[in-house]
Amino acid sequence: MFFPVSGVRVWLCTQPTDMRKSYDGLLALVKSQLQEDPLSGQLFVFINRKGN
């Protein structure tokens, strides 16, 4: 299992995300909805409709 190093923020998007989006689509979600920099070293986790 992967555990981030101390001090790294992990963002969990609790709304189902269309996993057919490309990397650029997910990047746009981070910028527009979370108002965060996707290249900041933080981790962003997305779930699909089934939650798996």
PDB file of N, CA and C in Angstrom:
ATOM      1  N   MET A   1       0.842  -1.173   0.000  1.00  0.00           N
ATOM      2  CA  MET A   1       0.000   0.000   0.000  1.00  0.00           C
ATOM      3  C   MET A   1       0.884   1.232   0.000  1.00  0.00           C
ATOM      4  N   PHE A   2       0.385   2.283  -0.589  1.00  0.00           N
ATOM      5  CA  PHE A   2       1.140   3.530  -0.713  1.00  0.00           C
ATOM      6  C   PHE A   2       0.727   4.502   0.381  1.00  0.00           C
ATOM      7  N   PHE A   3       1.703   5.037   1.089  1.00  0.00           N
ATOM      8  CA  PHE A   3       1.445   6.058   2.109  1.00  0.00           C
ATOM      9  C   PHE A   3       2.282   7.284   1.780  1.00  0.00           C
ATOM     10  N   PRO A   4       1.650   8.443   1.648  1.00  0.00           N
ATOM     11  CA  PRO A   4       2.412   9.651   1.313  1.00  0.00           C
ATOM     12  C   PRO A   4       3.322  10.065   2.463  1.00  0.00           C
ATOM     13  N   VAL A   5       4.353  10.772   2.118  1.00  0.00           N
ATOM     14  CA  VAL A   5       5.271  11.272   3.130  1.00  0.00           C
ATOM     15  C   VAL A   5       4.576  12.320   3.975  1.00  0.00           C
ATOM     16  N   SER A   6       5.114  12.564   5.116  1.00  0.00           N
ATOM     17  CA  SER A   6       4.557  13.540   6.039  1.00  0.00           C
ATOM     18  C   SER A   6       4.462  14.915   5.391  1.00  0.00           C
ATOM     19  N   GLY A   7       3.376  15.592   5.608  1.00  0.00           N
ATOM     20  CA  GLY A   7       3.190  16.935   5.099  1.00  0.00           C
ATOM     21  C   GLY A   7       2.543  17.022   3.735  1.00  0.00           C
ATOM     22  N   VAL A   8       2.295  15.894   3.092  1.00  0.00           N
ATOM     23  CA  VAL A   8       1.636  15.917   1.783  1.00  0.00           C
ATOM     24  C   VAL A   8       0.130  15.890   2.008  1.00  0.00           C
ATOM     25  N   ARG A   9      -0.573  16.816   1.375  1.00  0.00           N
ATOM     26  CA  ARG A   9      -2.034  16.861   1.501  1.00  0.00           C
ATOM     27  C   ARG A   9      -2.648  15.910   0.493  1.00  0.00           C
ATOM     28  N   VAL A  10      -3.689  15.200   0.931  1.00  0.00           N
ATOM     29  CA  VAL A  10      -4.421  14.288   0.055  1.00  0.00           C
ATOM     30  C   VAL A  10      -5.847  14.812  -0.046  1.00  0.00           C
ATOM     31  N   TRP A  11      -6.273  15.116  -1.265  1.00  0.00           N
ATOM     32  CA  TRP A  11      -7.617  15.620  -1.529  1.00  0.00           C
ATOM     33  C   TRP A  11      -8.458  14.474  -2.073  1.00  0.00           C
ATOM     34  N   LEU A  12      -9.627  14.267  -1.496  1.00  0.00           N
ATOM     35  CA  LEU A  12     -10.544  13.232  -1.953  1.00  0.00           C
ATOM     36  C   LEU A  12     -11.789  13.894  -2.527  1.00  0.00           C
ATOM     37  N   CYS A  13     -12.008  13.682  -3.810  1.00  0.00           N
ATOM     38  CA  CYS A  13     -13.207  14.203  -4.468  1.00  0.00           C
ATOM     39  C   CYS A  13     -14.329  13.197  -4.205  1.00  0.00           C
ATOM     40  N   THR A  14     -15.304  13.559  -3.396  1.00  0.00           N
ATOM     41  CA  THR A  14     -16.348  12.625  -2.978  1.00  0.00           C
ATOM     42  C   THR A  14     -17.483  12.507  -3.983  1.00  0.00           C
ATOM     43  N   GLN A  15     -17.536  13.417  -4.946  1.00  0.00           N
ATOM     44  CA  GLN A  15     -18.545  13.334  -5.990  1.00  0.00           C
ATOM     45  C   GLN A  15     -18.033  12.402  -7.085  1.00  0.00           C
ATOM     46  N   PRO A  16     -18.877  11.520  -7.593  1.00  0.00           N
ATOM     47  CA  PRO A  16     -18.419  10.632  -8.679  1.00  0.00           C
ATOM     48  C   PRO A  16     -17.891  11.435  -9.870  1.00  0.00           C
ATOM     49  N   THR A  17     -16.790  10.963 -10.409  1.00  0.00           N
ATOM     50  CA  THR A  17     -16.113  11.627 -11.515  1.00  0.00           C
ATOM     51  C   THR A  17     -16.127  10.717 -12.731  1.00  0.00           C
ATOM     52  N   ASP A  18     -16.376  11.291 -13.885  1.00  0.00           N
ATOM     53  CA  ASP A  18     -16.344  10.527 -15.116  1.00  0.00           C
ATOM     54  C   ASP A  18     -14.896  10.124 -15.386  1.00  0.00           C
ATOM     55  N   MET A  19     -14.585   8.842 -15.192  1.00  0.00           N
ATOM     56  CA  MET A  19     -13.208   8.382 -15.296  1.00  0.00           C
ATOM     57  C   MET A  19     -12.724   8.283 -16.743  1.00  0.00           C
ATOM     58  N   ARG A  20     -13.567   8.621 -17.704  1.00  0.00           N
ATOM     59  CA  ARG A  20     -13.140   8.666 -19.103  1.00  0.00           C
ATOM     60  C   ARG A  20     -12.425   9.974 -19.415  1.00  0.00           C
ATOM     61  N   LYS A  21     -12.428  10.887 -18.460  1.00  0.00           N
ATOM     62  CA  LYS A  21     -11.723  12.152 -18.669  1.00  0.00           C
ATOM     63  C   LYS A  21     -10.231  11.863 -18.805  1.00  0.00           C
ATOM     64  N   SER A  22      -9.586  12.608 -19.626  1.00  0.00           N
ATOM     65  CA  SER A  22      -8.145  12.460 -19.761  1.00  0.00           C
ATOM     66  C   SER A  22      -7.458  13.122 -18.562  1.00  0.00           C
ATOM     67  N   TYR A  23      -6.148  13.035 -18.547  1.00  0.00           N
ATOM     68  CA  TYR A  23      -5.379  13.711 -17.508  1.00  0.00           C
ATOM     69  C   TYR A  23      -5.714  15.200 -17.493  1.00  0.00           C
ATOM     70  N   ASP A  24      -5.851  15.770 -18.684  1.00  0.00           N
ATOM     71  CA  ASP A  24      -6.162  17.200 -18.775  1.00  0.00           C
ATOM     72  C   ASP A  24      -7.535  17.525 -18.201  1.00  0.00           C
ATOM     73  N   GLY A  25      -8.498  16.613 -18.356  1.00  0.00           N
ATOM     74  CA  GLY A  25      -9.831  16.821 -17.797  1.00  0.00           C
ATOM     75  C   GLY A  25      -9.828  16.811 -16.280  1.00  0.00           C
ATOM     76  N   LEU A  26      -9.059  15.887 -15.695  1.00  0.00           N
ATOM     77  CA  LEU A  26      -8.950  15.834 -14.236  1.00  0.00           C
ATOM     78  C   LEU A  26      -8.185  17.048 -13.708  1.00  0.00           C
ATOM     79  N   LEU A  27      -7.181  17.471 -14.446  1.00  0.00           N
ATOM     80  CA  LEU A  27      -6.419  18.657 -14.086  1.00  0.00           C
ATOM     81  C   LEU A  27      -7.333  19.883 -14.043  1.00  0.00           C
ATOM     82  N   ALA A  28      -8.225  19.986 -15.020  1.00  0.00           N
ATOM     83  CA  ALA A  28      -9.169  21.106 -15.065  1.00  0.00           C
ATOM     84  C   ALA A  28     -10.128  21.068 -13.873  1.00  0.00           C
ATOM     85  N   LEU A  29     -10.540  19.864 -13.453  1.00  0.00           N
ATOM     86  CA  LEU A  29     -11.405  19.747 -12.277  1.00  0.00           C
ATOM     87  C   LEU A  29     -10.700  20.262 -11.019  1.00  0.00           C
ATOM     88  N   VAL A  30      -9.449  19.907 -10.870  1.00  0.00           N
ATOM     89  CA  VAL A  30      -8.683  20.358  -9.697  1.00  0.00           C
ATOM     90  C   VAL A  30      -8.593  21.879  -9.693  1.00  0.00           C
ATOM     91  N   LYS A  31      -8.305  22.457 -10.845  1.00  0.00           N
ATOM     92  CA  LYS A  31      -8.180  23.914 -10.924  1.00  0.00           C
ATOM     93  C   LYS A  31      -9.503  24.625 -10.685  1.00  0.00           C
ATOM     94  N   SER A  32     -10.575  24.130 -11.305  1.00  0.00           N
ATOM     95  CA  SER A  32     -11.848  24.855 -11.251  1.00  0.00           C
ATOM     96  C   SER A  32     -12.648  24.594  -9.983  1.00  0.00           C
ATOM     97  N   GLN A  33     -12.692  23.351  -9.527  1.00  0.00           N
ATOM     98  CA  GLN A  33     -13.546  23.035  -8.373  1.00  0.00           C
ATOM     99  C   GLN A  33     -12.811  23.132  -7.042  1.00  0.00           C
ATOM    100  N   LEU A  34     -11.573  22.706  -6.998  1.00  0.00           N
ATOM    101  CA  LEU A  34     -10.834  22.740  -5.738  1.00  0.00           C
ATOM    102  C   LEU A  34     -10.004  24.008  -5.577  1.00  0.00           C
ATOM    103  N   GLN A  35      -9.850  24.758  -6.681  1.00  0.00           N
ATOM    104  CA  GLN A  35      -9.053  25.983  -6.657  1.00  0.00           C
ATOM    105  C   GLN A  35      -7.626  25.698  -6.161  1.00  0.00           C
ATOM    106  N   GLU A  36      -7.064  24.571  -6.590  1.00  0.00           N
ATOM    107  CA  GLU A  36      -5.719  24.179  -6.192  1.00  0.00           C
ATOM    108  C   GLU A  36      -4.834  24.013  -7.408  1.00  0.00           C
ATOM    109  N   ASP A  37      -3.527  24.030  -7.185  1.00  0.00           N
ATOM    110  CA  ASP A  37      -2.557  23.817  -8.257  1.00  0.00           C
ATOM    111  C   ASP A  37      -2.296  22.317  -8.380  1.00  0.00           C
ATOM    112  N   PRO A  38      -2.655  21.702  -9.495  1.00  0.00           N
ATOM    113  CA  PRO A  38      -2.482  20.265  -9.648  1.00  0.00           C
ATOM    114  C   PRO A  38      -1.019  19.825  -9.711  1.00  0.00           C
ATOM    115  N   LEU A  39      -0.101  20.742  -9.895  1.00  0.00           N
ATOM    116  CA  LEU A  39       1.319  20.409  -9.966  1.00  0.00           C
ATOM    117  C   LEU A  39       2.067  20.757  -8.676  1.00  0.00           C
ATOM    118  N   SER A  40       1.319  20.938  -7.586  1.00  0.00           N
ATOM    119  CA  SER A  40       1.906  21.389  -6.320  1.00  0.00           C
ATOM    120  C   SER A  40       2.531  20.267  -5.500  1.00  0.00           C
ATOM    121  N   GLY A  41       2.359  19.021  -5.913  1.00  0.00           N
ATOM    122  CA  GLY A  41       2.891  17.906  -5.132  1.00  0.00           C
ATOM    123  C   GLY A  41       1.852  17.281  -4.217  1.00  0.00           C
ATOM    124  N   GLN A  42       0.667  17.865  -4.166  1.00  0.00           N
ATOM    125  CA  GLN A  42      -0.422  17.285  -3.391  1.00  0.00           C
ATOM    126  C   GLN A  42      -1.008  16.108  -4.172  1.00  0.00           C
ATOM    127  N   LEU A  43      -1.752  15.251  -3.497  1.00  0.00           N
ATOM    128  CA  LEU A  43      -2.376  14.105  -4.148  1.00  0.00           C
ATOM    129  C   LEU A  43      -3.868  14.347  -4.279  1.00  0.00           C
ATOM    130  N   PHE A  44      -4.418  14.017  -5.436  1.00  0.00           N
ATOM    131  CA  PHE A  44      -5.840  14.197  -5.711  1.00  0.00           C
ATOM    132  C   PHE A  44      -6.428  12.838  -6.065  1.00  0.00           C
ATOM    133  N   VAL A  45      -7.464  12.434  -5.320  1.00  0.00           N
ATOM    134  CA  VAL A  45      -8.077  11.121  -5.494  1.00  0.00           C
ATOM    135  C   VAL A  45      -9.508  11.318  -5.997  1.00  0.00           C
ATOM    136  N   PHE A  46      -9.843  10.598  -7.055  1.00  0.00           N
ATOM    137  CA  PHE A  46     -11.179  10.689  -7.640  1.00  0.00           C
ATOM    138  C   PHE A  46     -11.839   9.310  -7.565  1.00  0.00           C
ATOM    139  N   ILE A  47     -13.171   9.314  -7.406  1.00  0.00           N
ATOM    140  CA  ILE A  47     -13.911   8.044  -7.397  1.00  0.00           C
ATOM    141  C   ILE A  47     -14.850   8.009  -8.596  1.00  0.00           C
ATOM    142  N   ASN A  48     -15.203   6.789  -9.008  1.00  0.00           N
ATOM    143  CA  ASN A  48     -16.168   6.642 -10.100  1.00  0.00           C
ATOM    144  C   ASN A  48     -17.563   6.512  -9.521  1.00  0.00           C
ATOM    145  N   ARG A  49     -18.547   6.290 -10.365  1.00  0.00           N
ATOM    146  CA  ARG A  49     -19.939   6.221  -9.924  1.00  0.00           C
ATOM    147  C   ARG A  49     -20.156   5.075  -8.932  1.00  0.00           C
ATOM    148  N   LYS A  50     -19.468   3.947  -9.141  1.00  0.00           N
ATOM    149  CA  LYS A  50     -19.614   2.804  -8.240  1.00  0.00           C
ATOM    150  C   LYS A  50     -18.829   2.945  -6.950  1.00  0.00           C
ATOM    151  N   GLY A  51     -17.959   3.913  -6.910  1.00  0.00           N
ATOM    152  CA  GLY A  51     -17.173   4.150  -5.709  1.00  0.00           C
ATOM    153  C   GLY A  51     -16.021   3.190  -5.521  1.00  0.00           C
ATOM    154  N   ASN A  52     -15.625   2.523  -6.578  1.00  0.00           N
ATOM    155  CA  ASN A  52     -14.505   1.588  -6.439  1.00  0.00           C
ATOM    156  C   ASN A  52     -13.314   2.081  -7.215  1.00  0.00           C
TER     157      ASN A  52
END
